Every structure is written in C-alpha cells, then in structure tokens.
Amino acid sequence: KALDGCDHKTAYSYLGAALSLLPNDHWKSHYDLSLRLNFLMSSAANSCCQYDEAEQILRRGLANARCLYDQLPSYLLLSQILQAQGKVKDVYDTCSAILTELGESIPK
C-alpha cells in the first residue's frame, strides 16, 4: 500500500523488513517472493533517488535470477537508474548486451 500511495521511503523500509524475515536460503526456498521483493525494494530506492542503493539491490537480484525472462524487468529498471545518474554509456552497453542475448543484432 505504501508504494501505491507514493510513500516510497516507507515502502522501502517495509520491503527491507520483509526481506530480512526470509530465511537465509530464500533465493532457493522462496524464489518468486525474493525476486518480487528485491525488485520492489530497488524500485522504491530508485523513487527516493537512492540510486546507488537501488542499483546494488537490483544487481543482487539479477545475480540470483534463474533465467533471462526473470531478469528483464530488472534490466529495464537498471537502465532507468543508470540514466538517472547520467551513465548513458552504461545504459547503452546494458541494453545492447540484453538485446544481443535475446537474439537481436545491434548496429555499431
């Protein structure tokens, strides 16, 4: 509800609490929940302009994602986070790598 009400700082706090309550092996035992909470927490941090924190959380989720399909929403958010920080080359490199992985050719 906090995210829906645009209270991103409170949402970030709640999502962090929810993640902390999961068992140590949560990426194995509660994969879908872990993926969703991780993405939402990163999104909330991004909305609070905590870009470094948002990127760190997102990269942890990307590292634990089981397949490219599960990573795609996170890569979209990552490109937005990098863009907000003015890291245009990183945005291009990230998007190009994902499109190549999806079988698209990127002109040089």
PDB file of N, CA and C in Angstrom:
ATOM      1  N   LYS A   1       0.815  -1.196   0.000  1.00  0.00           N
ATOM      2  CA  LYS A   1       0.000   0.000   0.000  1.00  0.00           C
ATOM      3  C   LYS A   1       0.856   1.256   0.000  1.00  0.00           C
ATOM      4  N   ALA A   2       2.021   1.175   0.656  1.00  0.00           N
ATOM      5  CA  ALA A   2       2.881   2.359   0.713  1.00  0.00           C
ATOM      6  C   ALA A   2       3.373   2.746  -0.676  1.00  0.00           C
ATOM      7  N   LEU A   3       3.723   1.742  -1.499  1.00  0.00           N
ATOM      8  CA  LEU A   3       4.155   2.045  -2.865  1.00  0.00           C
ATOM      9  C   LEU A   3       3.021   2.636  -3.679  1.00  0.00           C
ATOM     10  N   ASP A   4       1.834   2.054  -3.548  1.00  0.00           N
ATOM     11  CA  ASP A   4       0.679   2.559  -4.293  1.00  0.00           C
ATOM     12  C   ASP A   4       0.339   3.989  -3.895  1.00  0.00           C
ATOM     13  N   GLY A   5       0.594   4.332  -2.639  1.00  0.00           N
ATOM     14  CA  GLY A   5       0.307   5.677  -2.146  1.00  0.00           C
ATOM     15  C   GLY A   5       1.467   6.633  -2.323  1.00  0.00           C
ATOM     16  N   CYS A   6       2.480   6.216  -3.063  1.00  0.00           N
ATOM     17  CA  CYS A   6       3.655   7.043  -3.354  1.00  0.00           C
ATOM     18  C   CYS A   6       4.469   7.385  -2.111  1.00  0.00           C
ATOM     19  N   ASP A   7       4.369   6.562  -1.074  1.00  0.00           N
ATOM     20  CA  ASP A   7       5.197   6.741   0.114  1.00  0.00           C
ATOM     21  C   ASP A   7       6.388   5.795  -0.022  1.00  0.00           C
ATOM     22  N   HIS A   8       7.321   6.169  -0.870  1.00  0.00           N
ATOM     23  CA  HIS A   8       8.406   5.278  -1.257  1.00  0.00           C
ATOM     24  C   HIS A   8       9.390   5.009  -0.131  1.00  0.00           C
ATOM     25  N   LYS A   9       9.619   5.969   0.749  1.00  0.00           N
ATOM     26  CA  LYS A   9      10.523   5.741   1.872  1.00  0.00           C
ATOM     27  C   LYS A   9       9.950   4.696   2.823  1.00  0.00           C
ATOM     28  N   THR A  10       8.676   4.787   3.095  1.00  0.00           N
ATOM     29  CA  THR A  10       8.034   3.799   3.958  1.00  0.00           C
ATOM     30  C   THR A  10       8.009   2.439   3.268  1.00  0.00           C
ATOM     31  N   ALA A  11       7.709   2.431   1.992  1.00  0.00           N
ATOM     32  CA  ALA A  11       7.698   1.173   1.234  1.00  0.00           C
ATOM     33  C   ALA A  11       9.074   0.528   1.270  1.00  0.00           C
ATOM     34  N   TYR A  12      10.119   1.317   1.071  1.00  0.00           N
ATOM     35  CA  TYR A  12      11.487   0.805   1.111  1.00  0.00           C
ATOM     36  C   TYR A  12      11.764   0.146   2.460  1.00  0.00           C
ATOM     37  N   SER A  13      11.364   0.802   3.511  1.00  0.00           N
ATOM     38  CA  SER A  13      11.561   0.268   4.863  1.00  0.00           C
ATOM     39  C   SER A  13      10.786  -1.035   5.066  1.00  0.00           C
ATOM     40  N   TYR A  14       9.532  -1.070   4.659  1.00  0.00           N
ATOM     41  CA  TYR A  14       8.712  -2.272   4.794  1.00  0.00           C
ATOM     42  C   TYR A  14       9.272  -3.434   3.980  1.00  0.00           C
ATOM     43  N   LEU A  15       9.707  -3.139   2.772  1.00  0.00           N
ATOM     44  CA  LEU A  15      10.248  -4.194   1.910  1.00  0.00           C
ATOM     45  C   LEU A  15      11.558  -4.743   2.470  1.00  0.00           C
ATOM     46  N   GLY A  16      12.376  -3.867   3.027  1.00  0.00           N
ATOM     47  CA  GLY A  16      13.604  -4.321   3.683  1.00  0.00           C
ATOM     48  C   GLY A  16      13.304  -5.216   4.864  1.00  0.00           C
ATOM     49  N   ALA A  17      12.278  -4.856   5.628  1.00  0.00           N
ATOM     50  CA  ALA A  17      11.875  -5.686   6.766  1.00  0.00           C
ATOM     51  C   ALA A  17      11.378  -7.045   6.283  1.00  0.00           C
ATOM     52  N   ALA A  18      10.598  -7.041   5.218  1.00  0.00           N
ATOM     53  CA  ALA A  18      10.077  -8.305   4.673  1.00  0.00           C
ATOM     54  C   ALA A  18      11.218  -9.198   4.205  1.00  0.00           C
ATOM     55  N   LEU A  19      12.193  -8.627   3.503  1.00  0.00           N
ATOM     56  CA  LEU A  19      13.340  -9.421   3.048  1.00  0.00           C
ATOM     57  C   LEU A  19      14.148  -9.969   4.214  1.00  0.00           C
ATOM     58  N   SER A  20      14.272  -9.192   5.272  1.00  0.00           N
ATOM     59  CA  SER A  20      15.060  -9.636   6.426  1.00  0.00           C
ATOM     60  C   SER A  20      14.391 -10.787   7.172  1.00  0.00           C
ATOM     61  N   LEU A  21      13.088 -10.950   7.006  1.00  0.00           N
ATOM     62  CA  LEU A  21      12.369 -12.032   7.678  1.00  0.00           C
ATOM     63  C   LEU A  21      12.454 -13.360   6.929  1.00  0.00           C
ATOM     64  N   LEU A  22      12.918 -13.309   5.696  1.00  0.00           N
ATOM     65  CA  LEU A  22      13.041 -14.542   4.922  1.00  0.00           C
ATOM     66  C   LEU A  22      14.248 -15.342   5.408  1.00  0.00           C
ATOM     67  N   PRO A  23      14.199 -16.670   5.245  1.00  0.00           N
ATOM     68  CA  PRO A  23      15.339 -17.497   5.669  1.00  0.00           C
ATOM     69  C   PRO A  23      16.569 -17.220   4.815  1.00  0.00           C
ATOM     70  N   ASN A  24      17.727 -17.635   5.304  1.00  0.00           N
ATOM     71  CA  ASN A  24      18.991 -17.382   4.592  1.00  0.00           C
ATOM     72  C   ASN A  24      18.988 -17.934   3.174  1.00  0.00           C
ATOM     73  N   ASP A  25      18.298 -19.029   2.956  1.00  0.00           N
ATOM     74  CA  ASP A  25      18.258 -19.653   1.629  1.00  0.00           C
ATOM     75  C   ASP A  25      17.039 -19.196   0.828  1.00  0.00           C
ATOM     76  N   HIS A  26      16.562 -17.988   1.094  1.00  0.00           N
ATOM     77  CA  HIS A  26      15.304 -17.531   0.492  1.00  0.00           C
ATOM     78  C   HIS A  26      15.310 -17.541  -1.022  1.00  0.00           C
ATOM     79  N   TRP A  27      16.486 -17.374  -1.660  1.00  0.00           N
ATOM     80  CA  TRP A  27      16.504 -17.415  -3.126  1.00  0.00           C
ATOM     81  C   TRP A  27      16.207 -18.811  -3.643  1.00  0.00           C
ATOM     82  N   LYS A  28      16.426 -19.826  -2.813  1.00  0.00           N
ATOM     83  CA  LYS A  28      16.085 -21.204  -3.199  1.00  0.00           C
ATOM     84  C   LYS A  28      14.698 -21.587  -2.703  1.00  0.00           C
ATOM     85  N   SER A  29      14.406 -21.263  -1.459  1.00  0.00           N
ATOM     86  CA  SER A  29      13.149 -21.721  -0.854  1.00  0.00           C
ATOM     87  C   SER A  29      11.949 -20.832  -1.167  1.00  0.00           C
ATOM     88  N   HIS A  30      12.184 -19.568  -1.467  1.00  0.00           N
ATOM     89  CA  HIS A  30      11.106 -18.612  -1.757  1.00  0.00           C
ATOM     90  C   HIS A  30      11.517 -17.735  -2.940  1.00  0.00           C
ATOM     91  N   TYR A  31      11.839 -18.366  -4.045  1.00  0.00           N
ATOM     92  CA  TYR A  31      12.409 -17.667  -5.192  1.00  0.00           C
ATOM     93  C   TYR A  31      11.500 -16.547  -5.709  1.00  0.00           C
ATOM     94  N   ASP A  32      10.253 -16.862  -6.014  1.00  0.00           N
ATOM     95  CA  ASP A  32       9.355 -15.847  -6.602  1.00  0.00           C
ATOM     96  C   ASP A  32       9.166 -14.657  -5.672  1.00  0.00           C
ATOM     97  N   LEU A  33       8.983 -14.930  -4.400  1.00  0.00           N
ATOM     98  CA  LEU A  33       8.816 -13.856  -3.415  1.00  0.00           C
ATOM     99  C   LEU A  33      10.094 -13.025  -3.306  1.00  0.00           C
ATOM    100  N   SER A  34      11.238 -13.687  -3.287  1.00  0.00           N
ATOM    101  CA  SER A  34      12.522 -12.987  -3.196  1.00  0.00           C
ATOM    102  C   SER A  34      12.732 -12.085  -4.403  1.00  0.00           C
ATOM    103  N   LEU A  35      12.428 -12.609  -5.583  1.00  0.00           N
ATOM    104  CA  LEU A  35      12.585 -11.837  -6.815  1.00  0.00           C
ATOM    105  C   LEU A  35      11.695 -10.598  -6.787  1.00  0.00           C
ATOM    106  N   ARG A  36      10.456 -10.784  -6.394  1.00  0.00           N
ATOM    107  CA  ARG A  36       9.494  -9.671  -6.364  1.00  0.00           C
ATOM    108  C   ARG A  36       9.867  -8.624  -5.313  1.00  0.00           C
ATOM    109  N   LEU A  37      10.188  -9.077  -4.094  1.00  0.00           N
ATOM    110  CA  LEU A  37      10.559  -8.141  -3.028  1.00  0.00           C
ATOM    111  C   LEU A  37      11.819  -7.369  -3.396  1.00  0.00           C
ATOM    112  N   ASN A  38      12.790  -8.063  -3.971  1.00  0.00           N
ATOM    113  CA  ASN A  38      14.035  -7.430  -4.374  1.00  0.00           C
ATOM    114  C   ASN A  38      13.777  -6.338  -5.415  1.00  0.00           C
ATOM    115  N   PHE A  39      12.960  -6.660  -6.416  1.00  0.00           N
ATOM    116  CA  PHE A  39      12.642  -5.683  -7.458  1.00  0.00           C
ATOM    117  C   PHE A  39      11.898  -4.485  -6.868  1.00  0.00           C
ATOM    118  N   LEU A  40      10.911  -4.743  -6.036  1.00  0.00           N
ATOM    119  CA  LEU A  40      10.124  -3.650  -5.451  1.00  0.00           C
ATOM    120  C   LEU A  40      10.973  -2.770  -4.541  1.00  0.00           C
ATOM    121  N   MET A  41      11.887  -3.383  -3.787  1.00  0.00           N
ATOM    122  CA  MET A  41      12.747  -2.606  -2.899  1.00  0.00           C
ATOM    123  C   MET A  41      13.680  -1.716  -3.720  1.00  0.00           C
ATOM    124  N   SER A  42      14.212  -2.260  -4.799  1.00  0.00           N
ATOM    125  CA  SER A  42      15.065  -1.458  -5.680  1.00  0.00           C
ATOM    126  C   SER A  42      14.271  -0.314  -6.310  1.00  0.00           C
ATOM    127  N   SER A  43      13.056  -0.602  -6.718  1.00  0.00           N
ATOM    128  CA  SER A  43      12.190   0.416  -7.311  1.00  0.00           C
ATOM    129  C   SER A  43      11.891   1.529  -6.304  1.00  0.00           C
ATOM    130  N   ALA A  44      11.630   1.151  -5.061  1.00  0.00           N
ATOM    131  CA  ALA A  44      11.361   2.149  -4.023  1.00  0.00           C
ATOM    132  C   ALA A  44      12.598   3.004  -3.760  1.00  0.00           C
ATOM    133  N   ALA A  45      13.773   2.367  -3.712  1.00  0.00           N
ATOM    134  CA  ALA A  45      15.017   3.126  -3.511  1.00  0.00           C
ATOM    135  C   ALA A  45      15.248   4.082  -4.682  1.00  0.00           C
ATOM    136  N   ASN A  46      14.981   3.625  -5.890  1.00  0.00           N
ATOM    137  CA  ASN A  46      15.112   4.477  -7.074  1.00  0.00           C
ATOM    138  C   ASN A  46      14.183   5.684  -6.973  1.00  0.00           C
ATOM    139  N   SER A  47      12.968   5.457  -6.537  1.00  0.00           N
ATOM    140  CA  SER A  47      11.988   6.548  -6.409  1.00  0.00           C
ATOM    141  C   SER A  47      12.385   7.559  -5.342  1.00  0.00           C
ATOM    142  N   CYS A  48      13.215   7.122  -4.389  1.00  0.00           N
ATOM    143  CA  CYS A  48      13.721   8.025  -3.344  1.00  0.00           C
ATOM    144  C   CYS A  48      15.060   8.655  -3.741  1.00  0.00           C
ATOM    145  N   CYS A  49      15.448   8.464  -5.000  1.00  0.00           N
ATOM    146  CA  CYS A  49      16.710   8.983  -5.532  1.00  0.00           C
ATOM    147  C   CYS A  49      17.934   8.394  -4.831  1.00  0.00           C
ATOM    148  N   GLN A  50      17.785   7.196  -4.309  1.00  0.00           N
ATOM    149  CA  GLN A  50      18.907   6.467  -3.713  1.00  0.00           C
ATOM    150  C   GLN A  50      19.438   5.507  -4.785  1.00  0.00           C
ATOM    151  N   TYR A  51      20.053   6.081  -5.805  1.00  0.00           N
ATOM    152  CA  TYR A  51      20.410   5.314  -6.994  1.00  0.00           C
ATOM    153  C   TYR A  51      21.450   4.235  -6.736  1.00  0.00           C
ATOM    154  N   ASP A  52      22.458   4.543  -5.926  1.00  0.00           N
ATOM    155  CA  ASP A  52      23.488   3.537  -5.653  1.00  0.00           C
ATOM    156  C   ASP A  52      22.886   2.339  -4.919  1.00  0.00           C
ATOM    157  N   GLU A  53      22.054   2.618  -3.947  1.00  0.00           N
ATOM    158  CA  GLU A  53      21.388   1.547  -3.194  1.00  0.00           C
ATOM    159  C   GLU A  53      20.459   0.753  -4.112  1.00  0.00           C
ATOM    160  N   ALA A  54      19.705   1.442  -4.942  1.00  0.00           N
ATOM    161  CA  ALA A  54      18.799   0.775  -5.867  1.00  0.00           C
ATOM    162  C   ALA A  54      19.564  -0.141  -6.814  1.00  0.00           C
ATOM    163  N   GLU A  55      20.685   0.351  -7.323  1.00  0.00           N
ATOM    164  CA  GLU A  55      21.495  -0.455  -8.239  1.00  0.00           C
ATOM    165  C   GLU A  55      22.083  -1.674  -7.536  1.00  0.00           C
ATOM    166  N   GLN A  56      22.560  -1.490  -6.322  1.00  0.00           N
ATOM    167  CA  GLN A  56      23.140  -2.602  -5.559  1.00  0.00           C
ATOM    168  C   GLN A  56      22.092  -3.694  -5.298  1.00  0.00           C
ATOM    169  N   ILE A  57      20.912  -3.288  -4.888  1.00  0.00           N
ATOM    170  CA  ILE A  57      19.829  -4.243  -4.632  1.00  0.00           C
ATOM    171  C   ILE A  57      19.460  -4.962  -5.926  1.00  0.00           C
ATOM    172  N   LEU A  58      19.338  -4.213  -6.983  1.00  0.00           N
ATOM    173  CA  LEU A  58      18.952  -4.779  -8.272  1.00  0.00           C
ATOM    174  C   LEU A  58      19.981  -5.774  -8.780  1.00  0.00           C
ATOM    175  N   ARG A  59      21.240  -5.448  -8.639  1.00  0.00           N
ATOM    176  CA  ARG A  59      22.295  -6.366  -9.098  1.00  0.00           C
ATOM    177  C   ARG A  59      22.296  -7.660  -8.290  1.00  0.00           C
ATOM    178  N   ARG A  60      21.952  -7.590  -7.022  1.00  0.00           N
ATOM    179  CA  ARG A  60      21.832  -8.802  -6.206  1.00  0.00           C
ATOM    180  C   ARG A  60      20.705  -9.681  -6.756  1.00  0.00           C
ATOM    181  N   GLY A  61      19.606  -9.063  -7.126  1.00  0.00           N
ATOM    182  CA  GLY A  61      18.501  -9.817  -7.711  1.00  0.00           C
ATOM    183  C   GLY A  61      18.852 -10.401  -9.065  1.00  0.00           C
ATOM    184  N   LEU A  62      19.565  -9.632  -9.881  1.00  0.00           N
ATOM    185  CA  LEU A  62      19.991 -10.128 -11.189  1.00  0.00           C
ATOM    186  C   LEU A  62      20.913 -11.332 -11.041  1.00  0.00           C
ATOM    187  N   ALA A  63      21.783 -11.295 -10.044  1.00  0.00           N
ATOM    188  CA  ALA A  63      22.718 -12.398  -9.819  1.00  0.00           C
ATOM    189  C   ALA A  63      21.996 -13.673  -9.382  1.00  0.00           C
ATOM    190  N   ASN A  64      20.857 -13.516  -8.738  1.00  0.00           N
ATOM    191  CA  ASN A  64      20.124 -14.674  -8.237  1.00  0.00           C
ATOM    192  C   ASN A  64      18.988 -15.127  -9.148  1.00  0.00           C
ATOM    193  N   ALA A  65      18.689 -14.342 -10.164  1.00  0.00           N
ATOM    194  CA  ALA A  65      17.599 -14.699 -11.077  1.00  0.00           C
ATOM    195  C   ALA A  65      17.969 -15.967 -11.849  1.00  0.00           C
ATOM    196  N   ARG A  66      16.990 -16.793 -12.064  1.00  0.00           N
ATOM    197  CA  ARG A  66      17.230 -18.099 -12.698  1.00  0.00           C
ATOM    198  C   ARG A  66      17.319 -18.054 -14.210  1.00  0.00           C
ATOM    199  N   CYS A  67      16.695 -17.064 -14.813  1.00  0.00           N
ATOM    200  CA  CYS A  67      16.692 -17.023 -16.277  1.00  0.00           C
ATOM    201  C   CYS A  67      16.561 -15.576 -16.748  1.00  0.00           C
ATOM    202  N   LEU A  68      16.834 -15.388 -18.022  1.00  0.00           N
ATOM    203  CA  LEU A  68      16.768 -14.050 -18.608  1.00  0.00           C
ATOM    204  C   LEU A  68      15.368 -13.452 -18.484  1.00  0.00           C
ATOM    205  N   TYR A  69      14.351 -14.281 -18.660  1.00  0.00           N
ATOM    206  CA  TYR A  69      12.971 -13.788 -18.539  1.00  0.00           C
ATOM    207  C   TYR A  69      12.737 -13.149 -17.173  1.00  0.00           C
ATOM    208  N   ASP A  70      13.280 -13.754 -16.117  1.00  0.00           N
ATOM    209  CA  ASP A  70      13.126 -13.199 -14.772  1.00  0.00           C
ATOM    210  C   ASP A  70      13.955 -11.931 -14.587  1.00  0.00           C
ATOM    211  N   GLN A  71      14.988 -11.761 -15.393  1.00  0.00           N
ATOM    212  CA  GLN A  71      15.867 -10.598 -15.276  1.00  0.00           C
ATOM    213  C   GLN A  71      15.373  -9.375 -16.042  1.00  0.00           C
ATOM    214  N   LEU A  72      14.542  -9.575 -17.043  1.00  0.00           N
ATOM    215  CA  LEU A  72      14.170  -8.462 -17.929  1.00  0.00           C
ATOM    216  C   LEU A  72      13.589  -7.248 -17.209  1.00  0.00           C
ATOM    217  N   PRO A  73      12.614  -7.406 -16.290  1.00  0.00           N
ATOM    218  CA  PRO A  73      12.113  -6.204 -15.599  1.00  0.00           C
ATOM    219  C   PRO A  73      13.228  -5.481 -14.826  1.00  0.00           C
ATOM    220  N   SER A  74      14.138  -6.249 -14.252  1.00  0.00           N
ATOM    221  CA  SER A  74      15.245  -5.644 -13.505  1.00  0.00           C
ATOM    222  C   SER A  74      16.201  -4.906 -14.421  1.00  0.00           C
ATOM    223  N   TYR A  75      16.443  -5.448 -15.606  1.00  0.00           N
ATOM    224  CA  TYR A  75      17.307  -4.742 -16.549  1.00  0.00           C
ATOM    225  C   TYR A  75      16.672  -3.441 -17.025  1.00  0.00           C
ATOM    226  N   LEU A  76      15.373  -3.433 -17.193  1.00  0.00           N
ATOM    227  CA  LEU A  76      14.694  -2.190 -17.562  1.00  0.00           C
ATOM    228  C   LEU A  76      14.862  -1.148 -16.454  1.00  0.00           C
ATOM    229  N   LEU A  77      14.635  -1.568 -15.211  1.00  0.00           N
ATOM    230  CA  LEU A  77      14.811  -0.650 -14.085  1.00  0.00           C
ATOM    231  C   LEU A  77      16.270  -0.219 -13.965  1.00  0.00           C
ATOM    232  N   LEU A  78      17.200  -1.134 -14.181  1.00  0.00           N
ATOM    233  CA  LEU A  78      18.617  -0.781 -14.124  1.00  0.00           C
ATOM    234  C   LEU A  78      18.952   0.287 -15.154  1.00  0.00           C
ATOM    235  N   SER A  79      18.415   0.156 -16.350  1.00  0.00           N
ATOM    236  CA  SER A  79      18.691   1.173 -17.371  1.00  0.00           C
ATOM    237  C   SER A  79      18.132   2.529 -16.945  1.00  0.00           C
ATOM    238  N   GLN A  80      16.994   2.544 -16.280  1.00  0.00           N
ATOM    239  CA  GLN A  80      16.421   3.803 -15.790  1.00  0.00           C
ATOM    240  C   GLN A  80      17.277   4.403 -14.673  1.00  0.00           C
ATOM    241  N   ILE A  81      17.782   3.543 -13.791  1.00  0.00           N
ATOM    242  CA  ILE A  81      18.641   4.005 -12.694  1.00  0.00           C
ATOM    243  C   ILE A  81      19.936   4.593 -13.253  1.00  0.00           C
ATOM    244  N   LEU A  82      20.533   3.892 -14.193  1.00  0.00           N
ATOM    245  CA  LEU A  82      21.776   4.377 -14.800  1.00  0.00           C
ATOM    246  C   LEU A  82      21.539   5.686 -15.553  1.00  0.00           C
ATOM    247  N   GLN A  83      20.420   5.775 -16.249  1.00  0.00           N
ATOM    248  CA  GLN A  83      20.075   7.010 -16.976  1.00  0.00           C
ATOM    249  C   GLN A  83      19.918   8.179 -16.004  1.00  0.00           C
ATOM    250  N   ALA A  84      19.277   7.937 -14.874  1.00  0.00           N
ATOM    251  CA  ALA A  84      19.078   8.999 -13.884  1.00  0.00           C
ATOM    252  C   ALA A  84      20.405   9.513 -13.336  1.00  0.00           C
ATOM    253  N   GLN A  85      21.429   8.654 -13.369  1.00  0.00           N
ATOM    254  CA  GLN A  85      22.758   9.043 -12.894  1.00  0.00           C
ATOM    255  C   GLN A  85      23.631   9.613 -14.014  1.00  0.00           C
ATOM    256  N   GLY A  86      23.064   9.702 -15.218  1.00  0.00           N
ATOM    257  CA  GLY A  86      23.811  10.239 -16.340  1.00  0.00           C
ATOM    258  C   GLY A  86      24.820   9.268 -16.933  1.00  0.00           C
ATOM    259  N   LYS A  87      24.677   7.990 -16.655  1.00  0.00           N
ATOM    260  CA  LYS A  87      25.603   6.964 -17.149  1.00  0.00           C
ATOM    261  C   LYS A  87      25.088   6.403 -18.472  1.00  0.00           C
ATOM    262  N   VAL A  88      25.079   7.250 -19.482  1.00  0.00           N
ATOM    263  CA  VAL A  88      24.485   6.914 -20.777  1.00  0.00           C
ATOM    264  C   VAL A  88      25.196   5.737 -21.437  1.00  0.00           C
ATOM    265  N   LYS A  89      26.524   5.701 -21.373  1.00  0.00           N
ATOM    266  CA  LYS A  89      27.268   4.593 -21.982  1.00  0.00           C
ATOM    267  C   LYS A  89      26.905   3.271 -21.299  1.00  0.00           C
ATOM    268  N   ASP A  90      26.777   3.278 -19.989  1.00  0.00           N
ATOM    269  CA  ASP A  90      26.387   2.060 -19.262  1.00  0.00           C
ATOM    270  C   ASP A  90      24.987   1.608 -19.663  1.00  0.00           C
ATOM    271  N   VAL A  91      24.093   2.572 -19.871  1.00  0.00           N
ATOM    272  CA  VAL A  91      22.739   2.239 -20.331  1.00  0.00           C
ATOM    273  C   VAL A  91      22.812   1.549 -21.689  1.00  0.00           C
ATOM    274  N   TYR A  92      23.557   2.139 -22.600  1.00  0.00           N
ATOM    275  CA  TYR A  92      23.695   1.570 -23.940  1.00  0.00           C
ATOM    276  C   TYR A  92      24.304   0.174 -23.881  1.00  0.00           C
ATOM    277  N   ASP A  93      25.383   0.032 -23.114  1.00  0.00           N
ATOM    278  CA  ASP A  93      26.058  -1.267 -23.012  1.00  0.00           C
ATOM    279  C   ASP A  93      25.136  -2.328 -22.415  1.00  0.00           C
ATOM    280  N   THR A  94      24.407  -1.970 -21.386  1.00  0.00           N
ATOM    281  CA  THR A  94      23.486  -2.911 -20.741  1.00  0.00           C
ATOM    282  C   THR A  94      22.377  -3.325 -21.696  1.00  0.00           C
ATOM    283  N   CYS A  95      21.749  -2.358 -22.316  1.00  0.00           N
ATOM    284  CA  CYS A  95      20.646  -2.660 -23.242  1.00  0.00           C
ATOM    285  C   CYS A  95      21.132  -3.444 -24.458  1.00  0.00           C
ATOM    286  N   SER A  96      22.284  -3.095 -24.975  1.00  0.00           N
ATOM    287  CA  SER A  96      22.847  -3.817 -26.123  1.00  0.00           C
ATOM    288  C   SER A  96      23.129  -5.267 -25.768  1.00  0.00           C
ATOM    289  N   ALA A  97      23.692  -5.491 -24.591  1.00  0.00           N
ATOM    290  CA  ALA A  97      24.009  -6.856 -24.165  1.00  0.00           C
ATOM    291  C   ALA A  97      22.741  -7.703 -24.027  1.00  0.00           C
ATOM    292  N   ILE A  98      21.692  -7.118 -23.471  1.00  0.00           N
ATOM    293  CA  ILE A  98      20.437  -7.856 -23.295  1.00  0.00           C
ATOM    294  C   ILE A  98      19.784  -8.130 -24.640  1.00  0.00           C
ATOM    295  N   LEU A  99      19.762  -7.148 -25.511  1.00  0.00           N
ATOM    296  CA  LEU A  99      19.170  -7.363 -26.840  1.00  0.00           C
ATOM    297  C   LEU A  99      19.945  -8.416 -27.611  1.00  0.00           C
ATOM    298  N   THR A 100      21.256  -8.415 -27.490  1.00  0.00           N
ATOM    299  CA  THR A 100      22.072  -9.448 -28.143  1.00  0.00           C
ATOM    300  C   THR A 100      21.742 -10.822 -27.572  1.00  0.00           C
ATOM    301  N   GLU A 101      21.587 -10.886 -26.257  1.00  0.00           N
ATOM    302  CA  GLU A 101      21.230 -12.153 -25.608  1.00  0.00           C
ATOM    303  C   GLU A 101      19.856 -12.638 -26.072  1.00  0.00           C
ATOM    304  N   LEU A 102      18.996 -11.704 -26.422  1.00  0.00           N
ATOM    305  CA  LEU A 102      17.664 -12.058 -26.929  1.00  0.00           C
ATOM    306  C   LEU A 102      17.676 -12.372 -28.428  1.00  0.00           C
ATOM    307  N   GLY A 103      18.853 -12.270 -29.059  1.00  0.00           N
ATOM    308  CA  GLY A 103      18.979 -12.619 -30.460  1.00  0.00           C
ATOM    309  C   GLY A 103      18.848 -11.466 -31.432  1.00  0.00           C
ATOM    310  N   GLU A 104      18.838 -10.266 -30.918  1.00  0.00           N
ATOM    311  CA  GLU A 104      18.750  -9.077 -31.765  1.00  0.00           C
ATOM    312  C   GLU A 104      20.162  -8.607 -32.114  1.00  0.00           C
ATOM    313  N   SER A 105      20.333  -8.117 -33.334  1.00  0.00           N
ATOM    314  CA  SER A 105      21.637  -7.569 -33.700  1.00  0.00           C
ATOM    315  C   SER A 105      21.607  -6.056 -33.520  1.00  0.00           C
ATOM    316  N   ILE A 106      22.683  -5.542 -32.977  1.00  0.00           N
ATOM    317  CA  ILE A 106      22.796  -4.112 -32.694  1.00  0.00           C
ATOM    318  C   ILE A 106      23.824  -3.513 -33.659  1.00  0.00           C
ATOM    319  N   PRO A 107      23.413  -2.565 -34.505  1.00  0.00           N
ATOM    320  CA  PRO A 107      24.383  -1.937 -35.415  1.00  0.00           C
ATOM    321  C   PRO A 107      25.418  -1.142 -34.621  1.00  0.00           C
ATOM    322  N   LYS A 108      26.635  -1.156 -35.092  1.00  0.00           N
ATOM    323  CA  LYS A 108      27.723  -0.419 -34.398  1.00  0.00           C
ATOM    324  C   LYS A 108      27.784   1.007 -34.869  1.00  0.00           C
TER     325      LYS A 108
END
